[in-house]
């Protein structure tokens, strides 16, 4: 196939590009800067510089690329860490999930592109009720924390738009797998504590496993919504100490919920004490997806071995909160 990857130089997008090329596909990949776009030539992709919020430019770029499938991985998450002002921190990403998605889908319709894969997120949006693990049939949170409402609305938008267009929305878990992940520095400095009883259940997915699921969805023309997570949703009180051990850090501190709420706001308490995990059974069944890292337990140890060996070499670059990350002929693709 000919595949147009929006956000092709981000953590997930770059892996999707490499994997598509390895599997024999032609790729046009986008980035928000010329310098980053040029890096796409090395694996064999055609670089495109484009602002996903420029509807006309998106139309022209897709028309020029003439793809068989579009993969939307556009976000603006690098360095994100402000949970107190969650929606404000996600403002650009929310526009990319709404306006950017609409622009790509309009361009897809005009170009006759029928396969569309969009990035969504399943790490915190499920309703905070019932059991600890949710499926795609369970509802999203009807009453999110006040400062998460705009972000959840944007996630709902990208999912609805993708599905109505006959495409697929992938609810990724929390990404990990790069030794310079931002949460590593947070854990090493003991700035990511266990809040309250640490009952919040998180679902993770290694970046390489997420990329494979994405490529399979594009190849198969999958439709609907899929949780792209590993086999072991786990409460914060289990995975956070394991992550600290994997990077050679001291155990995380513990703070009461009232103090965490005072210092970091309601969102941080929700993330650490109330969120639900996700089941990957549908994605494995429908995609024929086999995970390299079925659990974060072995994934943390292997991924962060370089951090244990050379702790001074790695610095924080990405978000410490559970969000999906990625990024973007002359036109301006931004993510």
C-alpha atoms as a PDB file:
ATOM      1  CA  UNK A   1       0.000   0.000   0.000  1.00  0.00           C
ATOM      2  CA  UNK A   2       0.781   3.665  -0.128  1.00  0.00           C
ATOM      3  CA  UNK A   3       0.322   4.974   3.445  1.00  0.00           C
ATOM      4  CA  UNK A   4       0.132   8.582   4.611  1.00  0.00           C
ATOM      5  CA  UNK A   5       1.320   8.825   8.230  1.00  0.00           C
ATOM      6  CA  UNK A   6       0.454  12.098   9.977  1.00  0.00           C
ATOM      7  CA  UNK A   7       2.725  12.616  12.959  1.00  0.00           C
ATOM      8  CA  UNK A   8       5.445  10.410  11.524  1.00  0.00           C
ATOM      9  CA  UNK A   9       8.373  11.582  13.637  1.00  0.00           C
ATOM     10  CA  UNK A  10       6.860  11.058  17.091  1.00  0.00           C
ATOM     11  CA  UNK A  11       7.467   8.188  19.457  1.00  0.00           C
ATOM     12  CA  UNK A  12       4.794   5.981  17.917  1.00  0.00           C
ATOM     13  CA  UNK A  13       4.689   7.497  14.426  1.00  0.00           C
ATOM     14  CA  UNK A  14       8.367   6.883  13.744  1.00  0.00           C
ATOM     15  CA  UNK A  15       7.991   3.231  14.675  1.00  0.00           C
ATOM     16  CA  UNK A  16       4.907   2.890  12.498  1.00  0.00           C
ATOM     17  CA  UNK A  17       6.825   4.338   9.546  1.00  0.00           C
ATOM     18  CA  UNK A  18       9.755   1.953   9.944  1.00  0.00           C
ATOM     19  CA  UNK A  19       7.501  -1.049  10.340  1.00  0.00           C
ATOM     20  CA  UNK A  20       5.380  -0.163   7.314  1.00  0.00           C
ATOM     21  CA  UNK A  21       8.487   0.146   5.167  1.00  0.00           C
ATOM     22  CA  UNK A  22       9.911  -3.119   6.490  1.00  0.00           C
ATOM     23  CA  UNK A  23       6.655  -4.802   5.469  1.00  0.00           C
ATOM     24  CA  UNK A  24       6.915  -3.510   1.904  1.00  0.00           C
ATOM     25  CA  UNK A  25       4.659  -0.447   1.962  1.00  0.00           C
ATOM     26  CA  UNK A  26       5.404   3.006   0.524  1.00  0.00           C
ATOM     27  CA  UNK A  27       5.137   5.774   3.111  1.00  0.00           C
ATOM     28  CA  UNK A  28       4.648   9.524   3.004  1.00  0.00           C
ATOM     29  CA  UNK A  29       5.291  10.772   6.532  1.00  0.00           C
ATOM     30  CA  UNK A  30       4.677  14.161   8.061  1.00  0.00           C
ATOM     31  CA  UNK A  31       6.341  16.370  10.634  1.00  0.00           C
ATOM     32  CA  UNK A  32       5.879  19.920  11.813  1.00  0.00           C
ATOM     33  CA  UNK A  33       9.471  20.902  11.027  1.00  0.00           C
ATOM     34  CA  UNK A  34      11.751  20.549   8.026  1.00  0.00           C
ATOM     35  CA  UNK A  35      14.565  19.152  10.159  1.00  0.00           C
ATOM     36  CA  UNK A  36      12.463  16.373  11.664  1.00  0.00           C
ATOM     37  CA  UNK A  37      10.786  15.625   8.356  1.00  0.00           C
ATOM     38  CA  UNK A  38      14.147  15.102   6.686  1.00  0.00           C
ATOM     39  CA  UNK A  39      14.921  12.330   9.173  1.00  0.00           C
ATOM     40  CA  UNK A  40      12.202  10.281   7.496  1.00  0.00           C
ATOM     41  CA  UNK A  41      14.382   9.825   4.422  1.00  0.00           C
ATOM     42  CA  UNK A  42      16.734   7.491   6.293  1.00  0.00           C
ATOM     43  CA  UNK A  43      14.205   4.650   6.731  1.00  0.00           C
ATOM     44  CA  UNK A  44      12.928   5.256   3.194  1.00  0.00           C
ATOM     45  CA  UNK A  45       9.842   7.440   3.650  1.00  0.00           C
ATOM     46  CA  UNK A  46       8.875  10.531   1.674  1.00  0.00           C
ATOM     47  CA  UNK A  47       8.977  13.527   4.035  1.00  0.00           C
ATOM     48  CA  UNK A  48       6.094  16.009   4.132  1.00  0.00           C
ATOM     49  CA  UNK A  49       6.076  19.219   6.178  1.00  0.00           C
ATOM     50  CA  UNK A  50       2.498  20.089   7.038  1.00  0.00           C
ATOM     51  CA  UNK A  51       0.292  21.859   9.574  1.00  0.00           C
ATOM     52  CA  UNK A  52      -2.572  19.490  10.358  1.00  0.00           C
ATOM     53  CA  UNK A  53      -4.643  22.490  11.419  1.00  0.00           C
ATOM     54  CA  UNK A  54      -4.391  24.011   7.928  1.00  0.00           C
ATOM     55  CA  UNK A  55      -7.315  22.323   6.207  1.00  0.00           C
ATOM     56  CA  UNK A  56      -6.351  23.431   2.711  1.00  0.00           C
ATOM     57  CA  UNK A  57      -2.772  22.302   3.115  1.00  0.00           C
ATOM     58  CA  UNK A  58      -3.911  18.921   4.417  1.00  0.00           C
ATOM     59  CA  UNK A  59      -6.177  18.504   1.384  1.00  0.00           C
ATOM     60  CA  UNK A  60      -3.307  19.297  -0.989  1.00  0.00           C
ATOM     61  CA  UNK A  61      -0.820  17.029   0.823  1.00  0.00           C
ATOM     62  CA  UNK A  62      -3.138  14.013   0.826  1.00  0.00           C
ATOM     63  CA  UNK A  63      -4.096  14.608  -2.791  1.00  0.00           C
ATOM     64  CA  UNK A  64      -0.429  14.741  -3.775  1.00  0.00           C
ATOM     65  CA  UNK A  65       0.442  11.604  -1.803  1.00  0.00           C
ATOM     66  CA  UNK A  66      -2.458   9.577  -3.278  1.00  0.00           C
ATOM     67  CA  UNK A  67      -2.468   7.104  -0.373  1.00  0.00           C
ATOM     68  CA  UNK A  68      -4.438   3.904   0.077  1.00  0.00           C
ATOM     69  CA  UNK A  69      -4.554   4.454   3.850  1.00  0.00           C
ATOM     70  CA  UNK A  70      -4.087   7.289   6.324  1.00  0.00           C
ATOM     71  CA  UNK A  71      -2.668   6.820   9.825  1.00  0.00           C
ATOM     72  CA  UNK A  72      -3.308   9.765  12.151  1.00  0.00           C
ATOM     73  CA  UNK A  73      -0.737   9.964  14.969  1.00  0.00           C
ATOM     74  CA  UNK A  74      -0.677  13.741  15.298  1.00  0.00           C
ATOM     75  CA  UNK A  75      -0.340  15.068  18.844  1.00  0.00           C
ATOM     76  CA  UNK A  76       1.600  17.763  20.722  1.00  0.00           C
ATOM     77  CA  UNK A  77       2.620  15.984  23.904  1.00  0.00           C
ATOM     78  CA  UNK A  78       6.389  16.411  24.219  1.00  0.00           C
ATOM     79  CA  UNK A  79       7.363  17.539  27.705  1.00  0.00           C
ATOM     80  CA  UNK A  80       3.791  17.478  29.017  1.00  0.00           C
ATOM     81  CA  UNK A  81       3.610  17.306  32.816  1.00  0.00           C
ATOM     82  CA  UNK A  82       1.001  19.775  34.073  1.00  0.00           C
ATOM     83  CA  UNK A  83      -1.797  17.680  35.545  1.00  0.00           C
ATOM     84  CA  UNK A  84      -3.183  20.594  37.554  1.00  0.00           C
ATOM     85  CA  UNK A  85      -4.118  22.374  34.298  1.00  0.00           C
ATOM     86  CA  UNK A  86      -4.767  19.222  32.301  1.00  0.00           C
ATOM     87  CA  UNK A  87      -7.006  20.598  29.551  1.00  0.00           C
ATOM     88  CA  UNK A  88      -4.778  23.618  29.062  1.00  0.00           C
ATOM     89  CA  UNK A  89      -1.741  21.375  28.681  1.00  0.00           C
ATOM     90  CA  UNK A  90      -3.603  19.268  26.102  1.00  0.00           C
ATOM     91  CA  UNK A  91      -5.067  22.228  24.199  1.00  0.00           C
ATOM     92  CA  UNK A  92      -3.055  21.771  20.993  1.00  0.00           C
ATOM     93  CA  UNK A  93      -3.452  18.005  21.046  1.00  0.00           C
ATOM     94  CA  UNK A  94      -7.195  18.474  21.486  1.00  0.00           C
ATOM     95  CA  UNK A  95      -7.275  20.642  18.365  1.00  0.00           C
ATOM     96  CA  UNK A  96      -5.304  18.008  16.468  1.00  0.00           C
ATOM     97  CA  UNK A  97      -7.815  15.371  17.598  1.00  0.00           C
ATOM     98  CA  UNK A  98     -10.741  17.512  16.463  1.00  0.00           C
ATOM     99  CA  UNK A  99      -9.778  19.967  13.716  1.00  0.00           C
ATOM    100  CA  UNK A 100      -6.848  17.848  12.531  1.00  0.00           C
ATOM    101  CA  UNK A 101      -8.957  14.705  12.355  1.00  0.00           C
ATOM    102  CA  UNK A 102     -11.694  16.525  10.458  1.00  0.00           C
ATOM    103  CA  UNK A 103      -9.157  17.920   7.980  1.00  0.00           C
ATOM    104  CA  UNK A 104      -7.629  14.507   7.343  1.00  0.00           C
ATOM    105  CA  UNK A 105     -11.013  12.845   6.917  1.00  0.00           C
ATOM    106  CA  UNK A 106     -12.189  15.543   4.502  1.00  0.00           C
ATOM    107  CA  UNK A 107      -9.001  15.067   2.493  1.00  0.00           C
ATOM    108  CA  UNK A 108      -9.488  11.295   2.616  1.00  0.00           C
ATOM    109  CA  UNK A 109     -13.008  11.590   1.235  1.00  0.00           C
ATOM    110  CA  UNK A 110     -11.856  13.888  -1.551  1.00  0.00           C
ATOM    111  CA  UNK A 111      -9.035  11.496  -2.481  1.00  0.00           C
ATOM    112  CA  UNK A 112     -11.149   8.360  -2.193  1.00  0.00           C
ATOM    113  CA  UNK A 113      -9.109   6.956   0.717  1.00  0.00           C
ATOM    114  CA  UNK A 114     -11.123   4.363   2.626  1.00  0.00           C
ATOM    115  CA  UNK A 115      -8.680   3.132   5.244  1.00  0.00           C
ATOM    116  CA  UNK A 116      -8.233   5.444   8.220  1.00  0.00           C
ATOM    117  CA  UNK A 117      -6.471   4.661  11.508  1.00  0.00           C
ATOM    118  CA  UNK A 118      -6.603   7.240  14.296  1.00  0.00           C
ATOM    119  CA  UNK A 119      -4.830   7.506  17.618  1.00  0.00           C
ATOM    120  CA  UNK A 120      -7.078   7.551  20.658  1.00  0.00           C
ATOM    121  CA  UNK A 121      -6.366   6.753  24.281  1.00  0.00           C
ATOM    122  CA  UNK A 122      -7.662   4.200  26.772  1.00  0.00           C
ATOM    123  CA  UNK A 123      -5.481   4.933  29.796  1.00  0.00           C
ATOM    124  CA  UNK A 124      -7.937   7.032  31.805  1.00  0.00           C
ATOM    125  CA  UNK A 125     -11.152   7.827  29.859  1.00  0.00           C
ATOM    126  CA  UNK A 126     -13.256   4.834  30.963  1.00  0.00           C
ATOM    127  CA  UNK A 127     -15.981   5.402  33.537  1.00  0.00           C
ATOM    128  CA  UNK A 128     -14.694   5.146  37.095  1.00  0.00           C
ATOM    129  CA  UNK A 129     -17.262   2.544  38.109  1.00  0.00           C
ATOM    130  CA  UNK A 130     -17.617  -1.205  38.293  1.00  0.00           C
ATOM    131  CA  UNK A 131     -14.689  -3.544  37.813  1.00  0.00           C
ATOM    132  CA  UNK A 132     -11.044  -2.579  37.299  1.00  0.00           C
ATOM    133  CA  UNK A 133     -10.753  -3.624  33.620  1.00  0.00           C
ATOM    134  CA  UNK A 134     -12.931  -2.306  30.796  1.00  0.00           C
ATOM    135  CA  UNK A 135     -13.716  -3.458  27.260  1.00  0.00           C
ATOM    136  CA  UNK A 136     -14.559  -1.382  24.209  1.00  0.00           C
ATOM    137  CA  UNK A 137     -18.260  -1.885  24.999  1.00  0.00           C
ATOM    138  CA  UNK A 138     -17.987  -0.123  28.353  1.00  0.00           C
ATOM    139  CA  UNK A 139     -18.844   3.549  28.505  1.00  0.00           C
ATOM    140  CA  UNK A 140     -16.392   6.391  28.843  1.00  0.00           C
ATOM    141  CA  UNK A 141     -16.480   8.561  31.936  1.00  0.00           C
ATOM    142  CA  UNK A 142     -19.773  10.515  32.010  1.00  0.00           C
ATOM    143  CA  UNK A 143     -18.447  12.757  34.774  1.00  0.00           C
ATOM    144  CA  UNK A 144     -14.723  13.368  34.239  1.00  0.00           C
ATOM    145  CA  UNK A 145     -12.745  15.640  36.525  1.00  0.00           C
ATOM    146  CA  UNK A 146     -13.526  19.243  35.601  1.00  0.00           C
ATOM    147  CA  UNK A 147     -10.118  19.923  34.073  1.00  0.00           C
ATOM    148  CA  UNK A 148     -10.225  16.775  31.937  1.00  0.00           C
ATOM    149  CA  UNK A 149     -13.539  17.497  30.217  1.00  0.00           C
ATOM    150  CA  UNK A 150     -12.183  19.179  27.098  1.00  0.00           C
ATOM    151  CA  UNK A 151      -9.602  16.463  26.593  1.00  0.00           C
ATOM    152  CA  UNK A 152     -12.163  13.687  26.950  1.00  0.00           C
ATOM    153  CA  UNK A 153     -14.453  15.528  24.520  1.00  0.00           C
ATOM    154  CA  UNK A 154     -11.606  15.606  21.988  1.00  0.00           C
ATOM    155  CA  UNK A 155     -11.020  11.872  22.443  1.00  0.00           C
ATOM    156  CA  UNK A 156     -14.722  11.239  21.900  1.00  0.00           C
ATOM    157  CA  UNK A 157     -14.572  13.354  18.744  1.00  0.00           C
ATOM    158  CA  UNK A 158     -11.674  11.551  17.107  1.00  0.00           C
ATOM    159  CA  UNK A 159     -13.249   8.181  17.881  1.00  0.00           C
ATOM    160  CA  UNK A 160     -16.671   9.128  16.590  1.00  0.00           C
ATOM    161  CA  UNK A 161     -15.295  10.738  13.431  1.00  0.00           C
ATOM    162  CA  UNK A 162     -13.007   7.813  12.617  1.00  0.00           C
ATOM    163  CA  UNK A 163     -15.687   5.178  13.162  1.00  0.00           C
ATOM    164  CA  UNK A 164     -18.376   7.067  11.255  1.00  0.00           C
ATOM    165  CA  UNK A 165     -15.948   7.322   8.321  1.00  0.00           C
ATOM    166  CA  UNK A 166     -15.468   3.544   8.323  1.00  0.00           C
ATOM    167  CA  UNK A 167     -12.086   3.665  10.027  1.00  0.00           C
ATOM    168  CA  UNK A 168     -10.671   2.553  13.356  1.00  0.00           C
ATOM    169  CA  UNK A 169      -9.731   4.382  16.562  1.00  0.00           C
ATOM    170  CA  UNK A 170      -6.989   2.738  18.598  1.00  0.00           C
ATOM    171  CA  UNK A 171      -7.222   3.306  22.336  1.00  0.00           C
ATOM    172  CA  UNK A 172      -3.561   3.052  23.212  1.00  0.00           C
ATOM    173  CA  UNK A 173      -2.438   2.405  26.755  1.00  0.00           C
ATOM    174  CA  UNK A 174       0.313   4.414  28.402  1.00  0.00           C
ATOM    175  CA  UNK A 175       3.369   4.261  26.149  1.00  0.00           C
ATOM    176  CA  UNK A 176       6.752   3.137  27.376  1.00  0.00           C
ATOM    177  CA  UNK A 177       9.834   1.654  25.769  1.00  0.00           C
ATOM    178  CA  UNK A 178      12.335   4.452  25.242  1.00  0.00           C
ATOM    179  CA  UNK A 179      15.140   4.937  27.794  1.00  0.00           C
ATOM    180  CA  UNK A 180      14.569   8.705  27.660  1.00  0.00           C
ATOM    181  CA  UNK A 181      10.879   8.527  28.611  1.00  0.00           C
ATOM    182  CA  UNK A 182      10.036  11.516  30.813  1.00  0.00           C
ATOM    183  CA  UNK A 183       8.523   9.438  33.595  1.00  0.00           C
ATOM    184  CA  UNK A 184      11.933   7.905  34.214  1.00  0.00           C
ATOM    185  CA  UNK A 185      13.356  11.184  35.462  1.00  0.00           C
ATOM    186  CA  UNK A 186      10.240  11.732  37.575  1.00  0.00           C
ATOM    187  CA  UNK A 187      10.626   8.304  39.161  1.00  0.00           C
ATOM    188  CA  UNK A 188      14.370   8.711  39.742  1.00  0.00           C
ATOM    189  CA  UNK A 189      13.773  12.031  41.512  1.00  0.00           C
ATOM    190  CA  UNK A 190      10.878  10.499  43.477  1.00  0.00           C
ATOM    191  CA  UNK A 191       8.454  13.064  42.085  1.00  0.00           C
ATOM    192  CA  UNK A 192       5.879  10.453  41.063  1.00  0.00           C
ATOM    193  CA  UNK A 193       4.405   9.193  44.351  1.00  0.00           C
ATOM    194  CA  UNK A 194       1.818   6.563  45.154  1.00  0.00           C
ATOM    195  CA  UNK A 195      -1.248   8.579  46.062  1.00  0.00           C
ATOM    196  CA  UNK A 196      -3.584   7.246  48.726  1.00  0.00           C
ATOM    197  CA  UNK A 197      -3.994   3.510  48.334  1.00  0.00           C
ATOM    198  CA  UNK A 198      -2.697   3.552  44.751  1.00  0.00           C
ATOM    199  CA  UNK A 199      -5.855   1.856  43.485  1.00  0.00           C
ATOM    200  CA  UNK A 200      -5.873   3.528  40.077  1.00  0.00           C
ATOM    201  CA  UNK A 201      -5.513   0.804  37.415  1.00  0.00           C
ATOM    202  CA  UNK A 202      -3.303   1.642  34.437  1.00  0.00           C
ATOM    203  CA  UNK A 203      -2.881  -0.171  31.157  1.00  0.00           C
ATOM    204  CA  UNK A 204       0.468   0.097  29.386  1.00  0.00           C
ATOM    205  CA  UNK A 205       1.729  -0.846  25.948  1.00  0.00           C
ATOM    206  CA  UNK A 206       5.283  -0.970  24.645  1.00  0.00           C
ATOM    207  CA  UNK A 207       5.814   1.406  21.730  1.00  0.00           C
ATOM    208  CA  UNK A 208       6.883  -1.442  19.446  1.00  0.00           C
ATOM    209  CA  UNK A 209       3.746  -3.442  20.231  1.00  0.00           C
ATOM    210  CA  UNK A 210       1.561  -0.389  19.658  1.00  0.00           C
ATOM    211  CA  UNK A 211       3.233   0.210  16.297  1.00  0.00           C
ATOM    212  CA  UNK A 212       2.591  -3.374  15.209  1.00  0.00           C
ATOM    213  CA  UNK A 213      -1.089  -3.149  16.137  1.00  0.00           C
ATOM    214  CA  UNK A 214      -1.331   0.104  14.180  1.00  0.00           C
ATOM    215  CA  UNK A 215       0.222  -1.389  11.065  1.00  0.00           C
ATOM    216  CA  UNK A 216      -2.018  -4.449  11.265  1.00  0.00           C
ATOM    217  CA  UNK A 217      -5.072  -2.205  11.534  1.00  0.00           C
ATOM    218  CA  UNK A 218      -3.993  -0.233   8.454  1.00  0.00           C
ATOM    219  CA  UNK A 219      -3.219  -3.362   6.434  1.00  0.00           C
ATOM    220  CA  UNK A 220      -6.497  -5.040   7.285  1.00  0.00           C
ATOM    221  CA  UNK A 221      -8.752  -2.012   6.933  1.00  0.00           C
ATOM    222  CA  UNK A 222     -10.044  -2.592  10.464  1.00  0.00           C
ATOM    223  CA  UNK A 223     -13.082  -0.639  11.653  1.00  0.00           C
ATOM    224  CA  UNK A 224     -14.467   0.311  15.055  1.00  0.00           C
ATOM    225  CA  UNK A 225     -12.631   0.862  18.331  1.00  0.00           C
ATOM    226  CA  UNK A 226      -9.838  -1.283  19.757  1.00  0.00           C
ATOM    227  CA  UNK A 227      -7.964  -1.189  23.061  1.00  0.00           C
ATOM    228  CA  UNK A 228      -4.268  -1.434  22.233  1.00  0.00           C
ATOM    229  CA  UNK A 229      -2.814  -2.358  25.617  1.00  0.00           C
ATOM    230  CA  UNK A 230      -0.828  -5.197  27.139  1.00  0.00           C
ATOM    231  CA  UNK A 231      -2.199  -8.226  28.980  1.00  0.00           C
ATOM    232  CA  UNK A 232      -1.797  -6.923  32.526  1.00  0.00           C
ATOM    233  CA  UNK A 233      -3.666  -3.850  33.734  1.00  0.00           C
ATOM    234  CA  UNK A 234      -2.263  -3.063  37.168  1.00  0.00           C
ATOM    235  CA  UNK A 235      -2.836  -0.680  40.083  1.00  0.00           C
ATOM    236  CA  UNK A 236      -0.354   2.108  40.686  1.00  0.00           C
ATOM    237  CA  UNK A 237       0.810   0.501  43.924  1.00  0.00           C
ATOM    238  CA  UNK A 238       2.146  -2.453  41.863  1.00  0.00           C
ATOM    239  CA  UNK A 239       3.587  -0.955  38.701  1.00  0.00           C
ATOM    240  CA  UNK A 240       5.165   2.204  40.127  1.00  0.00           C
ATOM    241  CA  UNK A 241       7.524   0.413  42.564  1.00  0.00           C
ATOM    242  CA  UNK A 242       8.403  -2.027  39.749  1.00  0.00           C
ATOM    243  CA  UNK A 243       9.242   0.868  37.450  1.00  0.00           C
ATOM    244  CA  UNK A 244      11.434   2.423  40.144  1.00  0.00           C
ATOM    245  CA  UNK A 245      13.292  -0.857  40.568  1.00  0.00           C
ATOM    246  CA  UNK A 246      13.681  -1.238  36.790  1.00  0.00           C
ATOM    247  CA  UNK A 247      15.460   2.111  36.497  1.00  0.00           C
ATOM    248  CA  UNK A 248      17.518   1.655  39.660  1.00  0.00           C
ATOM    249  CA  UNK A 249      15.634   4.284  41.688  1.00  0.00           C
ATOM    250  CA  UNK A 250      14.527   4.334  45.295  1.00  0.00           C
ATOM    251  CA  UNK A 251      10.952   3.191  45.990  1.00  0.00           C
ATOM    252  CA  UNK A 252       8.313   5.867  45.346  1.00  0.00           C
ATOM    253  CA  UNK A 253       7.076   8.004  48.171  1.00  0.00           C
ATOM    254  CA  UNK A 254       3.512   7.716  49.432  1.00  0.00           C
ATOM    255  CA  UNK A 255       1.292  10.725  49.961  1.00  0.00           C
ATOM    256  CA  UNK A 256      -2.312  10.935  51.196  1.00  0.00           C
ATOM    257  CA  UNK A 257      -4.971  11.891  48.701  1.00  0.00           C
ATOM    258  CA  UNK A 258      -5.787  15.154  50.460  1.00  0.00           C
ATOM    259  CA  UNK A 259      -2.196  16.335  50.161  1.00  0.00           C
ATOM    260  CA  UNK A 260      -1.895  15.251  46.535  1.00  0.00           C
ATOM    261  CA  UNK A 261      -5.116  17.125  45.766  1.00  0.00           C
ATOM    262  CA  UNK A 262      -3.766  20.226  47.464  1.00  0.00           C
ATOM    263  CA  UNK A 263      -0.430  20.109  45.651  1.00  0.00           C
ATOM    264  CA  UNK A 264      -1.401  18.767  42.233  1.00  0.00           C
ATOM    265  CA  UNK A 265      -5.135  19.178  41.886  1.00  0.00           C
ATOM    266  CA  UNK A 266      -7.964  16.726  41.355  1.00  0.00           C
ATOM    267  CA  UNK A 267      -6.642  15.216  38.130  1.00  0.00           C
ATOM    268  CA  UNK A 268      -3.557  13.716  39.754  1.00  0.00           C
ATOM    269  CA  UNK A 269      -5.661  12.063  42.440  1.00  0.00           C
ATOM    270  CA  UNK A 270      -8.037  10.627  39.823  1.00  0.00           C
ATOM    271  CA  UNK A 271      -5.162   9.206  37.790  1.00  0.00           C
ATOM    272  CA  UNK A 272      -3.532   7.571  40.787  1.00  0.00           C
ATOM    273  CA  UNK A 273      -6.576   6.302  42.658  1.00  0.00           C
ATOM    274  CA  UNK A 274      -9.660   5.958  40.431  1.00  0.00           C
ATOM    275  CA  UNK A 275      -8.950   5.229  36.751  1.00  0.00           C
ATOM    276  CA  UNK A 276      -9.706   1.847  35.179  1.00  0.00           C
ATOM    277  CA  UNK A 277      -7.614  -0.386  32.948  1.00  0.00           C
ATOM    278  CA  UNK A 278      -8.527  -1.910  29.588  1.00  0.00           C
ATOM    279  CA  UNK A 279      -8.797  -5.377  28.043  1.00  0.00           C
ATOM    280  CA  UNK A 280      -6.924  -6.186  24.818  1.00  0.00           C
ATOM    281  CA  UNK A 281      -8.848  -9.339  23.918  1.00  0.00           C
ATOM    282  CA  UNK A 282     -10.708  -7.741  21.003  1.00  0.00           C
ATOM    283  CA  UNK A 283      -7.555  -6.293  19.448  1.00  0.00           C
ATOM    284  CA  UNK A 284      -5.699  -9.588  19.700  1.00  0.00           C
ATOM    285  CA  UNK A 285      -8.616 -11.459  18.202  1.00  0.00           C
ATOM    286  CA  UNK A 286      -9.454  -9.083  15.353  1.00  0.00           C
ATOM    287  CA  UNK A 287      -5.924  -8.121  14.354  1.00  0.00           C
ATOM    288  CA  UNK A 288      -4.135 -11.395  15.024  1.00  0.00           C
ATOM    289  CA  UNK A 289      -1.883  -9.245  17.198  1.00  0.00           C
ATOM    290  CA  UNK A 290       0.851 -10.943  19.236  1.00  0.00           C
ATOM    291  CA  UNK A 291       2.642  -8.799  21.782  1.00  0.00           C
ATOM    292  CA  UNK A 292       6.385  -8.850  22.163  1.00  0.00           C
ATOM    293  CA  UNK A 293       5.861  -7.632  25.728  1.00  0.00           C
ATOM    294  CA  UNK A 294       2.630  -9.140  27.105  1.00  0.00           C
ATOM    295  CA  UNK A 295       3.283  -7.431  30.433  1.00  0.00           C
ATOM    296  CA  UNK A 296       4.925  -4.233  31.561  1.00  0.00           C
ATOM    297  CA  UNK A 297       6.784  -6.365  34.122  1.00  0.00           C
ATOM    298  CA  UNK A 298       9.285  -7.734  31.616  1.00  0.00           C
ATOM    299  CA  UNK A 299       8.903  -4.703  29.368  1.00  0.00           C
ATOM    300  CA  UNK A 300      10.095  -2.246  32.030  1.00  0.00           C
ATOM    301  CA  UNK A 301      13.123  -4.361  32.887  1.00  0.00           C
ATOM    302  CA  UNK A 302      14.271  -4.788  29.300  1.00  0.00           C
ATOM    303  CA  UNK A 303      13.425  -1.293  28.074  1.00  0.00           C
ATOM    304  CA  UNK A 304      15.093   0.537  30.915  1.00  0.00           C
ATOM    305  CA  UNK A 305      18.217  -1.586  31.319  1.00  0.00           C
ATOM    306  CA  UNK A 306      20.281   1.211  29.671  1.00  0.00           C
ATOM    307  CA  UNK A 307      19.025   3.634  32.318  1.00  0.00           C
ATOM    308  CA  UNK A 308      20.233   1.343  35.097  1.00  0.00           C
ATOM    309  CA  UNK A 309      23.629   0.983  33.430  1.00  0.00           C
ATOM    310  CA  UNK A 310      24.139   4.652  32.516  1.00  0.00           C
ATOM    311  CA  UNK A 311      21.743   6.742  34.608  1.00  0.00           C
ATOM    312  CA  UNK A 312      23.433  10.052  33.788  1.00  0.00           C
ATOM    313  CA  UNK A 313      23.035   9.652  30.061  1.00  0.00           C
ATOM    314  CA  UNK A 314      19.252   9.937  29.836  1.00  0.00           C
ATOM    315  CA  UNK A 315      17.088  12.992  30.374  1.00  0.00           C
ATOM    316  CA  UNK A 316      13.345  13.562  30.418  1.00  0.00           C
ATOM    317  CA  UNK A 317      11.745  14.330  27.077  1.00  0.00           C
ATOM    318  CA  UNK A 318       8.215  13.032  27.180  1.00  0.00           C
ATOM    319  CA  UNK A 319       5.127  13.116  29.334  1.00  0.00           C
ATOM    320  CA  UNK A 320       5.036  11.486  32.791  1.00  0.00           C
ATOM    321  CA  UNK A 321       1.240  11.196  32.765  1.00  0.00           C
ATOM    322  CA  UNK A 322      -0.608   8.409  30.927  1.00  0.00           C
ATOM    323  CA  UNK A 323      -1.065   9.896  27.481  1.00  0.00           C
ATOM    324  CA  UNK A 324      -0.424   8.680  23.964  1.00  0.00           C
ATOM    325  CA  UNK A 325       2.471  10.410  22.300  1.00  0.00           C
ATOM    326  CA  UNK A 326       3.578  11.063  18.736  1.00  0.00           C
ATOM    327  CA  UNK A 327       4.200  13.888  16.281  1.00  0.00           C
ATOM    328  CA  UNK A 328       4.555  15.470  11.651  1.00  0.00           C
ATOM    329  CA  UNK A 329       6.559  18.528  -0.545  1.00  0.00           C
ATOM    330  CA  UNK A 330       6.225  21.962   1.449  1.00  0.00           C
ATOM    331  CA  UNK A 331       2.792  22.689   3.054  1.00  0.00           C
ATOM    332  CA  UNK A 332       3.340  23.106   7.060  1.00  0.00           C
ATOM    333  CA  UNK A 333       2.238  18.782   8.884  1.00  0.00           C
ATOM    334  CA  UNK A 334       2.127  19.724  12.527  1.00  0.00           C
ATOM    335  CA  UNK A 335       1.489  17.457  15.437  1.00  0.00           C
END
